[in-house]
Amino acid sequence: MEPQNLTSVLEFLLLGLSDDPDLQPVLFVVFLFIYLITVLGNLLIIMAVTSDFHLHTPMYFFLSNLSLADIGFSSSTVPKMLANLQTQSKSISYAGCLMQVGLFALFGSFDSLLLTVMAYDRLVAICHPLHYSIIMNPRLCGILVLLSLSISLLNSLVHCLMVSQFNFCAVIEIPNFFCDPPRLLKLACDYTSTTNIFIFFHASVFGGLQVSGILYSYVRIVSSILRVPSASGKYKAFSTCGSHLSIVCLFYGTAIGVYCSSVLSVAPRKVVVFSMMYTMVTPMLNPFIYSLRNRDIKTALQRLVKMTA
């Protein structure tokens, strides 16, 4: 089959989760429910933080930005999947696919970088509590968020440019419900082992630095907590970062699953399951993890409900 330039390919086919037409309405209802819970839950976190002055602290400032990133991350893929389920179509245009790649990389990177920043915030709060308000001042918090967003935009641009440089054959069937960049590139006619090495290098450097930062922060945090003499003091210190640690494990656990399943020869169905966990389940669970484990968020949400009642 003669290769065509990507710009001449009018559409791609997203194979999705199932080909059974009777299952499409059920999947639509389930995924719509998950998406609505994700958006509403994260919006509640943002509203609670912005409306309650008790939560105008660095930790909750970063949390509200994380909720915003989660909404964008889920919205980059789920609406198109819902539209395809509703119309029982599998197609996505070239422009739509490129947009998905860019938005997926943008909000996924922003999510990951914010988790790294939040780990540093917990490090300062636990290891340097007396200097916390001085170190984590509003100016530094704003700079950290803007820097995270700038790096995410750069990563998004790199992904879009990388995809647009490849040639694709006439029929492109992506074994996922969205334009997953590693899977998309593996379908290119001129995909080589050198490209695979470049993708691995890019993911290792970009993701490895963030994971290293989080690991370093928690090694310092744990060593500091272990020096606390009382058991109640240790529990109180660990409870301040328990919610963040849960989200980190959930996010990076599913992210590693998605990446490994895309690089290795894993069954397409398993790839889709990992991708669902990464793009839908994780953003949905984040508000629940923080609201269930955090008394301040619970109180702020109760105040918010009373104000709107």
C-alpha atoms as a PDB file:
ATOM      1  CA  MET A   1       0.000   0.000   0.000  1.00  0.00           C
ATOM      2  CA  GLU A   2       1.442   3.366  -0.976  1.00  0.00           C
ATOM      3  CA  PRO A   3       2.204   5.634   1.983  1.00  0.00           C
ATOM      4  CA  GLN A   4       0.363   8.918   2.173  1.00  0.00           C
ATOM      5  CA  ASN A   5       1.378  12.059   3.996  1.00  0.00           C
ATOM      6  CA  LEU A   6      -0.608  12.577   7.199  1.00  0.00           C
ATOM      7  CA  THR A   7      -2.227  15.740   5.847  1.00  0.00           C
ATOM      8  CA  SER A   8      -3.780  13.728   2.986  1.00  0.00           C
ATOM      9  CA  VAL A   9      -5.353  11.176   5.355  1.00  0.00           C
ATOM     10  CA  LEU A  10      -8.878  12.464   5.937  1.00  0.00           C
ATOM     11  CA  GLU A  11      -9.720  10.350   8.973  1.00  0.00           C
ATOM     12  CA  PHE A  12      -8.613   7.612  11.340  1.00  0.00           C
ATOM     13  CA  LEU A  13     -10.648   4.790  12.849  1.00  0.00           C
ATOM     14  CA  LEU A  14     -10.811   4.439  16.638  1.00  0.00           C
ATOM     15  CA  LEU A  15     -11.543   0.774  17.335  1.00  0.00           C
ATOM     16  CA  GLY A  16     -12.663   1.488  20.910  1.00  0.00           C
ATOM     17  CA  LEU A  17     -13.709  -1.037  23.520  1.00  0.00           C
ATOM     18  CA  SER A  18     -16.290  -3.186  21.727  1.00  0.00           C
ATOM     19  CA  ASP A  19     -17.738  -3.818  18.258  1.00  0.00           C
ATOM     20  CA  ASP A  20     -21.028  -5.145  19.626  1.00  0.00           C
ATOM     21  CA  PRO A  21     -23.783  -2.670  18.575  1.00  0.00           C
ATOM     22  CA  ASP A  22     -26.035  -3.837  21.430  1.00  0.00           C
ATOM     23  CA  LEU A  23     -23.337  -2.924  23.930  1.00  0.00           C
ATOM     24  CA  GLN A  24     -22.822   0.614  22.601  1.00  0.00           C
ATOM     25  CA  PRO A  25     -25.791   2.215  24.485  1.00  0.00           C
ATOM     26  CA  VAL A  26     -24.716   0.592  27.750  1.00  0.00           C
ATOM     27  CA  LEU A  27     -21.135   1.818  27.342  1.00  0.00           C
ATOM     28  CA  PHE A  28     -22.417   5.286  26.456  1.00  0.00           C
ATOM     29  CA  VAL A  29     -24.458   5.545  29.666  1.00  0.00           C
ATOM     30  CA  VAL A  30     -21.623   4.217  31.857  1.00  0.00           C
ATOM     31  CA  PHE A  31     -18.944   6.482  30.379  1.00  0.00           C
ATOM     32  CA  LEU A  32     -21.251   9.513  30.358  1.00  0.00           C
ATOM     33  CA  PHE A  33     -21.929   8.944  34.061  1.00  0.00           C
ATOM     34  CA  ILE A  34     -18.192   8.666  34.800  1.00  0.00           C
ATOM     35  CA  TYR A  35     -17.466  11.830  32.805  1.00  0.00           C
ATOM     36  CA  LEU A  36     -20.209  13.849  34.527  1.00  0.00           C
ATOM     37  CA  ILE A  37     -18.998  12.702  37.963  1.00  0.00           C
ATOM     38  CA  THR A  38     -15.444  13.691  36.987  1.00  0.00           C
ATOM     39  CA  VAL A  39     -16.413  17.180  35.836  1.00  0.00           C
ATOM     40  CA  LEU A  40     -18.852  17.882  38.692  1.00  0.00           C
ATOM     41  CA  GLY A  41     -16.544  16.470  41.368  1.00  0.00           C
ATOM     42  CA  ASN A  42     -13.550  18.491  40.260  1.00  0.00           C
ATOM     43  CA  LEU A  43     -15.683  21.624  39.800  1.00  0.00           C
ATOM     44  CA  LEU A  44     -16.877  21.234  43.390  1.00  0.00           C
ATOM     45  CA  ILE A  45     -13.260  21.094  44.575  1.00  0.00           C
ATOM     46  CA  ILE A  46     -12.453  24.284  42.625  1.00  0.00           C
ATOM     47  CA  MET A  47     -15.554  26.076  43.958  1.00  0.00           C
ATOM     48  CA  ALA A  48     -14.865  24.952  47.523  1.00  0.00           C
ATOM     49  CA  VAL A  49     -11.275  26.209  47.410  1.00  0.00           C
ATOM     50  CA  THR A  50     -12.128  29.550  45.800  1.00  0.00           C
ATOM     51  CA  SER A  51     -15.152  30.266  48.037  1.00  0.00           C
ATOM     52  CA  ASP A  52     -13.609  29.393  51.433  1.00  0.00           C
ATOM     53  CA  PHE A  53     -10.833  31.717  52.624  1.00  0.00           C
ATOM     54  CA  HIS A  54      -9.636  29.015  55.022  1.00  0.00           C
ATOM     55  CA  LEU A  55      -8.477  27.081  51.958  1.00  0.00           C
ATOM     56  CA  HIS A  56      -6.506  29.953  50.429  1.00  0.00           C
ATOM     57  CA  THR A  57      -3.233  28.162  51.107  1.00  0.00           C
ATOM     58  CA  PRO A  58      -0.567  26.771  48.736  1.00  0.00           C
ATOM     59  CA  MET A  59      -1.717  23.157  49.099  1.00  0.00           C
ATOM     60  CA  TYR A  60      -5.305  23.927  48.114  1.00  0.00           C
ATOM     61  CA  PHE A  61      -4.206  26.374  45.427  1.00  0.00           C
ATOM     62  CA  PHE A  62      -2.305  23.522  43.775  1.00  0.00           C
ATOM     63  CA  LEU A  63      -5.255  21.174  44.383  1.00  0.00           C
ATOM     64  CA  SER A  64      -7.670  23.488  42.553  1.00  0.00           C
ATOM     65  CA  ASN A  65      -5.276  23.643  39.597  1.00  0.00           C
ATOM     66  CA  LEU A  66      -4.992  19.838  39.681  1.00  0.00           C
ATOM     67  CA  SER A  67      -8.785  19.588  39.513  1.00  0.00           C
ATOM     68  CA  LEU A  68      -8.776  21.948  36.524  1.00  0.00           C
ATOM     69  CA  ALA A  69      -6.110  19.790  34.846  1.00  0.00           C
ATOM     70  CA  ASP A  70      -8.168  16.640  35.540  1.00  0.00           C
ATOM     71  CA  ILE A  71     -11.222  18.167  33.844  1.00  0.00           C
ATOM     72  CA  GLY A  72      -9.138  19.087  30.803  1.00  0.00           C
ATOM     73  CA  PHE A  73      -7.392  15.703  30.753  1.00  0.00           C
ATOM     74  CA  SER A  74     -10.655  13.771  30.759  1.00  0.00           C
ATOM     75  CA  SER A  75     -12.315  16.205  28.324  1.00  0.00           C
ATOM     76  CA  SER A  76      -9.504  15.740  25.794  1.00  0.00           C
ATOM     77  CA  THR A  77     -10.650  12.184  25.005  1.00  0.00           C
ATOM     78  CA  VAL A  78     -14.011  11.243  26.544  1.00  0.00           C
ATOM     79  CA  PRO A  79     -16.419  13.572  24.628  1.00  0.00           C
ATOM     80  CA  LYS A  80     -15.263  12.220  21.255  1.00  0.00           C
ATOM     81  CA  MET A  81     -15.601   8.657  22.514  1.00  0.00           C
ATOM     82  CA  LEU A  82     -19.154   9.414  23.719  1.00  0.00           C
ATOM     83  CA  ALA A  83     -20.020  10.981  20.365  1.00  0.00           C
ATOM     84  CA  ASN A  84     -18.729   7.891  18.521  1.00  0.00           C
ATOM     85  CA  LEU A  85     -20.696   5.569  20.813  1.00  0.00           C
ATOM     86  CA  GLN A  86     -23.856   7.590  20.298  1.00  0.00           C
ATOM     87  CA  THR A  87     -23.548   7.618  16.506  1.00  0.00           C
ATOM     88  CA  GLN A  88     -21.975   4.131  16.380  1.00  0.00           C
ATOM     89  CA  SER A  89     -19.152   5.643  14.363  1.00  0.00           C
ATOM     90  CA  LYS A  90     -15.418   5.022  14.767  1.00  0.00           C
ATOM     91  CA  SER A  91     -13.994   7.838  12.688  1.00  0.00           C
ATOM     92  CA  ILE A  92     -12.010  10.879  13.795  1.00  0.00           C
ATOM     93  CA  SER A  93     -10.679  13.505  11.418  1.00  0.00           C
ATOM     94  CA  TYR A  94      -7.005  14.309  10.985  1.00  0.00           C
ATOM     95  CA  ALA A  95      -7.487  17.702  12.665  1.00  0.00           C
ATOM     96  CA  GLY A  96      -9.457  16.103  15.503  1.00  0.00           C
ATOM     97  CA  CYS A  97      -6.784  13.457  16.032  1.00  0.00           C
ATOM     98  CA  LEU A  98      -3.987  16.026  16.090  1.00  0.00           C
ATOM     99  CA  MET A  99      -6.005  18.144  18.527  1.00  0.00           C
ATOM    100  CA  GLN A 100      -6.510  15.125  20.783  1.00  0.00           C
ATOM    101  CA  VAL A 101      -2.779  14.401  20.770  1.00  0.00           C
ATOM    102  CA  GLY A 102      -1.999  18.002  21.728  1.00  0.00           C
ATOM    103  CA  LEU A 103      -4.637  18.309  24.464  1.00  0.00           C
ATOM    104  CA  PHE A 104      -3.854  14.859  25.867  1.00  0.00           C
ATOM    105  CA  ALA A 105      -0.150  15.738  26.152  1.00  0.00           C
ATOM    106  CA  LEU A 106      -0.916  19.215  27.531  1.00  0.00           C
ATOM    107  CA  PHE A 107      -3.251  18.235  30.367  1.00  0.00           C
ATOM    108  CA  GLY A 108      -1.504  14.938  31.098  1.00  0.00           C
ATOM    109  CA  SER A 109       1.808  16.774  31.531  1.00  0.00           C
ATOM    110  CA  PHE A 110       0.163  19.545  33.556  1.00  0.00           C
ATOM    111  CA  ASP A 111      -1.411  16.926  35.832  1.00  0.00           C
ATOM    112  CA  SER A 112       1.913  15.161  36.334  1.00  0.00           C
ATOM    113  CA  LEU A 113       3.891  18.354  36.969  1.00  0.00           C
ATOM    114  CA  LEU A 114       1.342  19.594  39.501  1.00  0.00           C
ATOM    115  CA  LEU A 115       1.687  16.330  41.423  1.00  0.00           C
ATOM    116  CA  THR A 116       5.448  16.960  41.538  1.00  0.00           C
ATOM    117  CA  VAL A 117       4.905  20.525  42.761  1.00  0.00           C
ATOM    118  CA  MET A 118       2.475  19.289  45.407  1.00  0.00           C
ATOM    119  CA  ALA A 119       5.074  16.771  46.609  1.00  0.00           C
ATOM    120  CA  TYR A 120       7.541  19.643  47.057  1.00  0.00           C
ATOM    121  CA  ASP A 121       4.850  21.599  48.916  1.00  0.00           C
ATOM    122  CA  ARG A 122       4.364  18.694  51.355  1.00  0.00           C
ATOM    123  CA  LEU A 123       8.146  18.410  51.748  1.00  0.00           C
ATOM    124  CA  VAL A 124       8.405  22.038  52.837  1.00  0.00           C
ATOM    125  CA  ALA A 125       5.328  21.772  55.100  1.00  0.00           C
ATOM    126  CA  ILE A 126       6.647  18.729  56.993  1.00  0.00           C
ATOM    127  CA  CYS A 127      10.418  19.252  56.938  1.00  0.00           C
ATOM    128  CA  HIS A 128      10.423  23.062  57.319  1.00  0.00           C
ATOM    129  CA  PRO A 129       7.119  23.922  59.050  1.00  0.00           C
ATOM    130  CA  LEU A 130       8.392  27.149  60.657  1.00  0.00           C
ATOM    131  CA  HIS A 131       9.485  28.562  57.297  1.00  0.00           C
ATOM    132  CA  TYR A 132       6.582  27.162  55.258  1.00  0.00           C
ATOM    133  CA  SER A 133       4.684  30.434  54.785  1.00  0.00           C
ATOM    134  CA  ILE A 134       7.902  32.241  53.844  1.00  0.00           C
ATOM    135  CA  ILE A 135       9.115  29.640  51.342  1.00  0.00           C
ATOM    136  CA  MET A 136       5.736  28.829  49.787  1.00  0.00           C
ATOM    137  CA  ASN A 137       4.706  32.440  49.275  1.00  0.00           C
ATOM    138  CA  PRO A 138       1.998  33.391  46.731  1.00  0.00           C
ATOM    139  CA  ARG A 139       4.600  34.577  44.211  1.00  0.00           C
ATOM    140  CA  LEU A 140       6.473  31.250  44.219  1.00  0.00           C
ATOM    141  CA  CYS A 141       3.205  29.286  44.004  1.00  0.00           C
ATOM    142  CA  GLY A 142       2.137  31.298  40.957  1.00  0.00           C
ATOM    143  CA  ILE A 143       5.546  30.832  39.319  1.00  0.00           C
ATOM    144  CA  LEU A 144       5.444  27.047  39.906  1.00  0.00           C
ATOM    145  CA  VAL A 145       2.004  26.741  38.303  1.00  0.00           C
ATOM    146  CA  LEU A 146       2.945  28.960  35.338  1.00  0.00           C
ATOM    147  CA  LEU A 147       6.202  27.027  34.865  1.00  0.00           C
ATOM    148  CA  SER A 148       4.300  23.729  34.921  1.00  0.00           C
ATOM    149  CA  LEU A 149       1.848  25.061  32.347  1.00  0.00           C
ATOM    150  CA  SER A 150       4.667  26.353  30.115  1.00  0.00           C
ATOM    151  CA  ILE A 151       6.492  23.009  30.172  1.00  0.00           C
ATOM    152  CA  SER A 152       3.202  21.242  29.420  1.00  0.00           C
ATOM    153  CA  LEU A 153       2.590  23.506  26.419  1.00  0.00           C
ATOM    154  CA  LEU A 154       6.090  22.733  25.159  1.00  0.00           C
ATOM    155  CA  ASN A 155       5.514  18.992  25.578  1.00  0.00           C
ATOM    156  CA  SER A 156       2.198  19.299  23.736  1.00  0.00           C
ATOM    157  CA  LEU A 157       3.913  21.107  20.869  1.00  0.00           C
ATOM    158  CA  VAL A 158       6.608  18.414  20.663  1.00  0.00           C
ATOM    159  CA  HIS A 159       3.944  15.690  20.440  1.00  0.00           C
ATOM    160  CA  CYS A 160       2.025  17.510  17.692  1.00  0.00           C
ATOM    161  CA  LEU A 161       5.161  18.170  15.655  1.00  0.00           C
ATOM    162  CA  MET A 162       6.354  14.595  16.091  1.00  0.00           C
ATOM    163  CA  VAL A 163       3.060  13.111  14.864  1.00  0.00           C
ATOM    164  CA  SER A 164       2.809  15.503  11.908  1.00  0.00           C
ATOM    165  CA  GLN A 165       6.245  14.444  10.582  1.00  0.00           C
ATOM    166  CA  PHE A 166       5.275  10.809   9.927  1.00  0.00           C
ATOM    167  CA  ASN A 167       3.744   9.165   6.860  1.00  0.00           C
ATOM    168  CA  PHE A 168       0.739   6.919   7.245  1.00  0.00           C
ATOM    169  CA  CYS A 169      -0.794   4.248   5.034  1.00  0.00           C
ATOM    170  CA  ALA A 170      -4.281   4.651   3.580  1.00  0.00           C
ATOM    171  CA  VAL A 171      -6.276   2.908   6.339  1.00  0.00           C
ATOM    172  CA  ILE A 172      -5.369   3.824   9.906  1.00  0.00           C
ATOM    173  CA  GLU A 173      -7.039   1.765  12.645  1.00  0.00           C
ATOM    174  CA  ILE A 174      -6.035   2.859  16.157  1.00  0.00           C
ATOM    175  CA  PRO A 175      -6.635   0.085  18.737  1.00  0.00           C
ATOM    176  CA  ASN A 176      -7.922   2.528  21.344  1.00  0.00           C
ATOM    177  CA  PHE A 177     -10.794   4.961  21.946  1.00  0.00           C
ATOM    178  CA  PHE A 178      -8.587   8.033  21.379  1.00  0.00           C
ATOM    179  CA  CYS A 179      -5.483   9.017  19.419  1.00  0.00           C
ATOM    180  CA  ASP A 180      -2.914   7.553  21.791  1.00  0.00           C
ATOM    181  CA  PRO A 181       0.439   9.029  20.599  1.00  0.00           C
ATOM    182  CA  PRO A 182       2.636   5.890  21.006  1.00  0.00           C
ATOM    183  CA  ARG A 183       0.027   3.677  19.326  1.00  0.00           C
ATOM    184  CA  LEU A 184      -0.527   6.233  16.561  1.00  0.00           C
ATOM    185  CA  LEU A 185       3.183   6.497  15.782  1.00  0.00           C
ATOM    186  CA  LYS A 186       3.586   2.711  15.682  1.00  0.00           C
ATOM    187  CA  LEU A 187       1.063   2.672  12.815  1.00  0.00           C
ATOM    188  CA  ALA A 188       3.198   4.984  10.676  1.00  0.00           C
ATOM    189  CA  CYS A 189       4.666   3.489   7.508  1.00  0.00           C
ATOM    190  CA  ASP A 190       8.101   4.952   8.281  1.00  0.00           C
ATOM    191  CA  TYR A 191       8.110   3.948  11.963  1.00  0.00           C
ATOM    192  CA  THR A 192      11.543   2.588  12.912  1.00  0.00           C
ATOM    193  CA  SER A 193      13.355   1.328  15.973  1.00  0.00           C
ATOM    194  CA  THR A 194      15.090   4.712  16.146  1.00  0.00           C
ATOM    195  CA  THR A 195      11.694   6.344  16.613  1.00  0.00           C
ATOM    196  CA  ASN A 196      10.911   3.876  19.370  1.00  0.00           C
ATOM    197  CA  ILE A 197      14.169   4.774  21.109  1.00  0.00           C
ATOM    198  CA  PHE A 198      13.362   8.488  20.794  1.00  0.00           C
ATOM    199  CA  ILE A 199       9.883   7.971  22.297  1.00  0.00           C
ATOM    200  CA  PHE A 200      11.349   5.935  25.138  1.00  0.00           C
ATOM    201  CA  PHE A 201      14.049   8.574  25.745  1.00  0.00           C
ATOM    202  CA  HIS A 202      11.509  11.417  25.735  1.00  0.00           C
ATOM    203  CA  ALA A 203       9.175   9.600  28.149  1.00  0.00           C
ATOM    204  CA  SER A 204      12.061   8.552  30.404  1.00  0.00           C
ATOM    205  CA  VAL A 205      13.492  12.064  30.672  1.00  0.00           C
ATOM    206  CA  PHE A 206      10.185  13.910  30.981  1.00  0.00           C
ATOM    207  CA  GLY A 207       8.507  11.391  33.278  1.00  0.00           C
ATOM    208  CA  GLY A 208      11.674  10.267  35.050  1.00  0.00           C
ATOM    209  CA  LEU A 209      12.509  13.749  36.323  1.00  0.00           C
ATOM    210  CA  GLN A 210       9.048  14.134  37.824  1.00  0.00           C
ATOM    211  CA  VAL A 211       9.025  10.695  39.409  1.00  0.00           C
ATOM    212  CA  SER A 212      12.520  11.345  40.800  1.00  0.00           C
ATOM    213  CA  GLY A 213      11.341  14.631  42.306  1.00  0.00           C
ATOM    214  CA  ILE A 214       8.346  12.957  43.940  1.00  0.00           C
ATOM    215  CA  LEU A 215      10.448  10.057  45.270  1.00  0.00           C
ATOM    216  CA  TYR A 216      13.054  12.455  46.663  1.00  0.00           C
ATOM    217  CA  SER A 217      10.350  14.516  48.372  1.00  0.00           C
ATOM    218  CA  TYR A 218       8.755  11.481  49.997  1.00  0.00           C
ATOM    219  CA  VAL A 219      12.071   9.995  51.103  1.00  0.00           C
ATOM    220  CA  ARG A 220      12.748  13.279  52.922  1.00  0.00           C
ATOM    221  CA  ILE A 221       9.175  13.348  54.258  1.00  0.00           C
ATOM    222  CA  VAL A 222       9.278   9.777  55.585  1.00  0.00           C
ATOM    223  CA  SER A 223      12.698  10.272  57.195  1.00  0.00           C
ATOM    224  CA  SER A 224      11.396  13.429  58.868  1.00  0.00           C
ATOM    225  CA  ILE A 225       8.219  11.699  60.092  1.00  0.00           C
ATOM    226  CA  LEU A 226      10.208   8.790  61.554  1.00  0.00           C
ATOM    227  CA  ARG A 227      12.096  11.267  63.749  1.00  0.00           C
ATOM    228  CA  VAL A 228       8.847  12.439  65.361  1.00  0.00           C
ATOM    229  CA  PRO A 229       8.809  10.898  68.884  1.00  0.00           C
ATOM    230  CA  SER A 230       5.062  10.399  69.424  1.00  0.00           C
ATOM    231  CA  ALA A 231       2.800   8.061  67.452  1.00  0.00           C
ATOM    232  CA  SER A 232       0.068  10.712  67.264  1.00  0.00           C
ATOM    233  CA  GLY A 233       2.565  13.201  65.859  1.00  0.00           C
ATOM    234  CA  LYS A 234       3.638  10.711  63.184  1.00  0.00           C
ATOM    235  CA  TYR A 235       0.015  10.041  62.235  1.00  0.00           C
ATOM    236  CA  LYS A 236      -0.789  13.752  62.028  1.00  0.00           C
ATOM    237  CA  ALA A 237       2.281  14.429  59.885  1.00  0.00           C
ATOM    238  CA  PHE A 238       1.555  11.555  57.511  1.00  0.00           C
ATOM    239  CA  SER A 239      -2.157  12.421  57.229  1.00  0.00           C
ATOM    240  CA  THR A 240      -1.245  15.796  55.704  1.00  0.00           C
ATOM    241  CA  CYS A 241       0.256  14.051  52.663  1.00  0.00           C
ATOM    242  CA  GLY A 242      -1.797  10.836  52.595  1.00  0.00           C
ATOM    243  CA  SER A 243      -4.282  12.112  50.002  1.00  0.00           C
ATOM    244  CA  HIS A 244      -1.521  13.326  47.700  1.00  0.00           C
ATOM    245  CA  LEU A 245       0.354  10.030  47.993  1.00  0.00           C
ATOM    246  CA  SER A 246      -2.812   8.110  47.078  1.00  0.00           C
ATOM    247  CA  ILE A 247      -3.313  10.231  43.945  1.00  0.00           C
ATOM    248  CA  VAL A 248       0.360   9.883  42.957  1.00  0.00           C
ATOM    249  CA  CYS A 249       0.178   6.076  43.194  1.00  0.00           C
ATOM    250  CA  LEU A 250      -3.086   6.001  41.241  1.00  0.00           C
ATOM    251  CA  PHE A 251      -1.906   8.388  38.506  1.00  0.00           C
ATOM    252  CA  TYR A 252       1.557   6.960  37.927  1.00  0.00           C
ATOM    253  CA  GLY A 253       0.433   3.355  38.382  1.00  0.00           C
ATOM    254  CA  THR A 254      -2.084   3.633  35.542  1.00  0.00           C
ATOM    255  CA  ALA A 255       0.271   5.847  33.482  1.00  0.00           C
ATOM    256  CA  ILE A 256       3.013   3.212  33.603  1.00  0.00           C
ATOM    257  CA  GLY A 257       0.439   0.593  32.606  1.00  0.00           C
ATOM    258  CA  VAL A 258      -0.640   2.654  29.582  1.00  0.00           C
ATOM    259  CA  TYR A 259       2.929   3.356  28.492  1.00  0.00           C
ATOM    260  CA  CYS A 260       4.160  -0.217  28.884  1.00  0.00           C
ATOM    261  CA  SER A 261       1.106  -1.625  27.095  1.00  0.00           C
ATOM    262  CA  SER A 262       1.666   0.811  24.210  1.00  0.00           C
ATOM    263  CA  VAL A 263       5.383   0.083  23.815  1.00  0.00           C
ATOM    264  CA  LEU A 264       5.197  -3.665  24.372  1.00  0.00           C
ATOM    265  CA  SER A 265       3.114  -6.099  22.324  1.00  0.00           C
ATOM    266  CA  VAL A 266       0.108  -6.190  24.634  1.00  0.00           C
ATOM    267  CA  ALA A 267      -3.388  -7.274  23.574  1.00  0.00           C
ATOM    268  CA  PRO A 268      -5.407  -4.261  22.313  1.00  0.00           C
ATOM    269  CA  ARG A 269      -8.226  -4.932  24.808  1.00  0.00           C
ATOM    270  CA  LYS A 270      -5.793  -4.620  27.717  1.00  0.00           C
ATOM    271  CA  VAL A 271      -4.451  -1.365  26.253  1.00  0.00           C
ATOM    272  CA  VAL A 272      -7.965   0.072  26.188  1.00  0.00           C
ATOM    273  CA  VAL A 273      -8.589  -0.981  29.799  1.00  0.00           C
ATOM    274  CA  PHE A 274      -5.362   0.666  30.984  1.00  0.00           C
ATOM    275  CA  SER A 275      -6.241   3.799  29.005  1.00  0.00           C
ATOM    276  CA  MET A 276      -9.705   3.947  30.586  1.00  0.00           C
ATOM    277  CA  MET A 277      -8.190   3.753  34.053  1.00  0.00           C
ATOM    278  CA  TYR A 278      -5.696   6.479  33.169  1.00  0.00           C
ATOM    279  CA  THR A 279      -7.978   8.956  31.391  1.00  0.00           C
ATOM    280  CA  MET A 280     -11.347   8.396  33.100  1.00  0.00           C
ATOM    281  CA  VAL A 281     -11.164   6.555  36.421  1.00  0.00           C
ATOM    282  CA  THR A 282      -8.181   8.415  37.904  1.00  0.00           C
ATOM    283  CA  PRO A 283      -9.569  11.956  37.298  1.00  0.00           C
ATOM    284  CA  MET A 284     -12.945  10.794  38.672  1.00  0.00           C
ATOM    285  CA  LEU A 285     -11.453   9.383  41.888  1.00  0.00           C
ATOM    286  CA  ASN A 286      -9.240  12.381  42.724  1.00  0.00           C
ATOM    287  CA  PRO A 287     -12.053  14.546  44.212  1.00  0.00           C
ATOM    288  CA  PHE A 288     -13.331  11.599  46.257  1.00  0.00           C
ATOM    289  CA  ILE A 289      -9.876  10.847  47.635  1.00  0.00           C
ATOM    290  CA  TYR A 290      -9.405  14.448  48.782  1.00  0.00           C
ATOM    291  CA  SER A 291     -12.941  14.958  50.087  1.00  0.00           C
ATOM    292  CA  LEU A 292     -13.017  11.651  51.990  1.00  0.00           C
ATOM    293  CA  ARG A 293      -9.574  12.022  53.573  1.00  0.00           C
ATOM    294  CA  ASN A 294      -9.516  15.779  54.160  1.00  0.00           C
ATOM    295  CA  ARG A 295     -11.555  17.445  56.898  1.00  0.00           C
ATOM    296  CA  ASP A 296     -10.985  20.955  55.530  1.00  0.00           C
ATOM    297  CA  ILE A 297     -12.408  20.017  52.124  1.00  0.00           C
ATOM    298  CA  LYS A 298     -15.396  18.319  53.770  1.00  0.00           C
ATOM    299  CA  THR A 299     -16.124  21.445  55.826  1.00  0.00           C
ATOM    300  CA  ALA A 300     -15.737  23.726  52.796  1.00  0.00           C
ATOM    301  CA  LEU A 301     -18.081  21.537  50.728  1.00  0.00           C
ATOM    302  CA  GLN A 302     -20.665  21.599  53.527  1.00  0.00           C
ATOM    303  CA  ARG A 303     -20.458  25.410  53.642  1.00  0.00           C
ATOM    304  CA  LEU A 304     -20.778  25.535  49.858  1.00  0.00           C
ATOM    305  CA  VAL A 305     -23.912  23.357  49.961  1.00  0.00           C
ATOM    306  CA  LYS A 306     -25.458  25.571  52.671  1.00  0.00           C
ATOM    307  CA  MET A 307     -24.697  28.697  50.635  1.00  0.00           C
ATOM    308  CA  THR A 308     -26.399  27.294  47.535  1.00  0.00           C
ATOM    309  CA  ALA A 309     -29.342  25.780  49.458  1.00  0.00           C
END
